[in-house]
C-alpha atoms as a PDB file:
ATOM      1  CA  UNK A   1      16.434 -20.262  17.602  1.00  0.00           C
ATOM      2  CA  UNK A   2      15.600 -21.814  14.261  1.00  0.00           C
ATOM      3  CA  UNK A   3      13.126 -19.924  12.109  1.00  0.00           C
ATOM      4  CA  UNK A   4      12.111 -19.401   8.500  1.00  0.00           C
ATOM      5  CA  UNK A   5      12.974 -16.372   6.387  1.00  0.00           C
ATOM      6  CA  UNK A   6      11.010 -14.601   3.703  1.00  0.00           C
ATOM      7  CA  UNK A   7      12.221 -14.786   0.110  1.00  0.00           C
ATOM      8  CA  UNK A   8      11.671 -11.929  -2.357  1.00  0.00           C
ATOM      9  CA  UNK A   9      11.773 -11.541  -6.117  1.00  0.00           C
ATOM     10  CA  UNK A  10      13.437  -8.119  -5.923  1.00  0.00           C
ATOM     11  CA  UNK A  11      15.038  -5.597  -3.579  1.00  0.00           C
ATOM     12  CA  UNK A  12      12.013  -3.356  -4.098  1.00  0.00           C
ATOM     13  CA  UNK A  13       9.651  -6.090  -2.902  1.00  0.00           C
ATOM     14  CA  UNK A  14      11.858  -6.758   0.138  1.00  0.00           C
ATOM     15  CA  UNK A  15      12.084  -3.093   1.129  1.00  0.00           C
ATOM     16  CA  UNK A  16       8.357  -2.533   0.608  1.00  0.00           C
ATOM     17  CA  UNK A  17       7.534  -5.528   2.790  1.00  0.00           C
ATOM     18  CA  UNK A  18       9.959  -4.308   5.472  1.00  0.00           C
ATOM     19  CA  UNK A  19       8.387  -0.817   5.445  1.00  0.00           C
ATOM     20  CA  UNK A  20       4.933  -2.373   5.791  1.00  0.00           C
ATOM     21  CA  UNK A  21       6.080  -4.628   8.632  1.00  0.00           C
ATOM     22  CA  UNK A  22       7.656  -1.811  10.624  1.00  0.00           C
ATOM     23  CA  UNK A  23       5.023   0.805   9.758  1.00  0.00           C
ATOM     24  CA  UNK A  24       1.908  -1.285  10.303  1.00  0.00           C
ATOM     25  CA  UNK A  25       2.750  -3.676  13.143  1.00  0.00           C
ATOM     26  CA  UNK A  26       1.940  -2.283  16.610  1.00  0.00           C
ATOM     27  CA  UNK A  27       4.905  -4.067  18.180  1.00  0.00           C
ATOM     28  CA  UNK A  28       7.198  -1.763  16.156  1.00  0.00           C
ATOM     29  CA  UNK A  29       5.351   1.482  16.951  1.00  0.00           C
ATOM     30  CA  UNK A  30       8.401   2.680  18.895  1.00  0.00           C
ATOM     31  CA  UNK A  31      10.518   2.435  15.736  1.00  0.00           C
ATOM     32  CA  UNK A  32       8.178   4.718  13.812  1.00  0.00           C
ATOM     33  CA  UNK A  33       8.044   7.208  16.704  1.00  0.00           C
ATOM     34  CA  UNK A  34      11.811   7.209  17.370  1.00  0.00           C
ATOM     35  CA  UNK A  35      13.461  10.599  17.107  1.00  0.00           C
ATOM     36  CA  UNK A  36      16.914   9.221  16.260  1.00  0.00           C
ATOM     37  CA  UNK A  37      18.294   6.312  14.260  1.00  0.00           C
ATOM     38  CA  UNK A  38      19.906   4.905  17.420  1.00  0.00           C
ATOM     39  CA  UNK A  39      16.581   4.985  19.249  1.00  0.00           C
ATOM     40  CA  UNK A  40      14.922   3.293  16.259  1.00  0.00           C
ATOM     41  CA  UNK A  41      17.536   0.516  16.381  1.00  0.00           C
ATOM     42  CA  UNK A  42      16.856  -0.048  20.077  1.00  0.00           C
ATOM     43  CA  UNK A  43      13.091  -0.076  19.442  1.00  0.00           C
ATOM     44  CA  UNK A  44      13.577  -2.690  16.694  1.00  0.00           C
ATOM     45  CA  UNK A  45      15.295  -4.925  19.227  1.00  0.00           C
ATOM     46  CA  UNK A  46      12.707  -4.182  21.906  1.00  0.00           C
ATOM     47  CA  UNK A  47       9.962  -5.168  19.433  1.00  0.00           C
ATOM     48  CA  UNK A  48      11.604  -8.542  18.883  1.00  0.00           C
ATOM     49  CA  UNK A  49      12.854  -7.947  15.333  1.00  0.00           C
ATOM     50  CA  UNK A  50      16.049  -9.960  15.863  1.00  0.00           C
ATOM     51  CA  UNK A  51      17.042 -12.773  18.202  1.00  0.00           C
ATOM     52  CA  UNK A  52      20.571 -11.448  18.775  1.00  0.00           C
ATOM     53  CA  UNK A  53      20.587  -9.727  22.188  1.00  0.00           C
ATOM     54  CA  UNK A  54      23.227  -7.306  20.844  1.00  0.00           C
ATOM     55  CA  UNK A  55      21.318  -6.511  17.613  1.00  0.00           C
ATOM     56  CA  UNK A  56      20.726  -2.822  18.393  1.00  0.00           C
ATOM     57  CA  UNK A  57      24.293  -2.335  19.575  1.00  0.00           C
ATOM     58  CA  UNK A  58      25.671  -3.880  16.379  1.00  0.00           C
ATOM     59  CA  UNK A  59      23.281  -1.905  14.159  1.00  0.00           C
ATOM     60  CA  UNK A  60      24.273   1.358  15.858  1.00  0.00           C
ATOM     61  CA  UNK A  61      27.951   0.470  15.386  1.00  0.00           C
ATOM     62  CA  UNK A  62      27.367  -0.001  11.635  1.00  0.00           C
ATOM     63  CA  UNK A  63      25.443   3.287  11.449  1.00  0.00           C
ATOM     64  CA  UNK A  64      28.315   5.063  13.197  1.00  0.00           C
ATOM     65  CA  UNK A  65      30.732   3.928  10.496  1.00  0.00           C
ATOM     66  CA  UNK A  66      28.585   5.776   7.932  1.00  0.00           C
ATOM     67  CA  UNK A  67      28.940   9.186   9.567  1.00  0.00           C
ATOM     68  CA  UNK A  68      26.160  11.697  10.204  1.00  0.00           C
ATOM     69  CA  UNK A  69      23.218  11.948   7.843  1.00  0.00           C
ATOM     70  CA  UNK A  70      21.995  15.224   6.406  1.00  0.00           C
ATOM     71  CA  UNK A  71      19.198  16.331   8.777  1.00  0.00           C
ATOM     72  CA  UNK A  72      17.333  18.027   5.922  1.00  0.00           C
ATOM     73  CA  UNK A  73      16.817  14.731   4.115  1.00  0.00           C
ATOM     74  CA  UNK A  74      14.220  12.115   4.922  1.00  0.00           C
ATOM     75  CA  UNK A  75      15.430   8.529   4.729  1.00  0.00           C
ATOM     76  CA  UNK A  76      12.338   6.873   6.160  1.00  0.00           C
ATOM     77  CA  UNK A  77      10.536   4.298   4.020  1.00  0.00           C
ATOM     78  CA  UNK A  78       6.925   5.008   3.213  1.00  0.00           C
ATOM     79  CA  UNK A  79       4.782   2.099   4.416  1.00  0.00           C
ATOM     80  CA  UNK A  80       1.622   3.207   2.583  1.00  0.00           C
END
């Protein structure tokens, strides 16, 4: 598949746009409602975020190299 990509002036602009995309687009509602990072990765793929059929599997593999996250912390982007 050939497609266009968005271009941003800063990391902040890119992350804000990503949070808005995931938080406000109904096709990614499963990502927002996911109870685990692995489930969120699978919901991203299910919503059509990436064309790679192994996207979620690869994303989970990268997350696993980082080790467990502190459950007391919130790492979710605010899409408001």
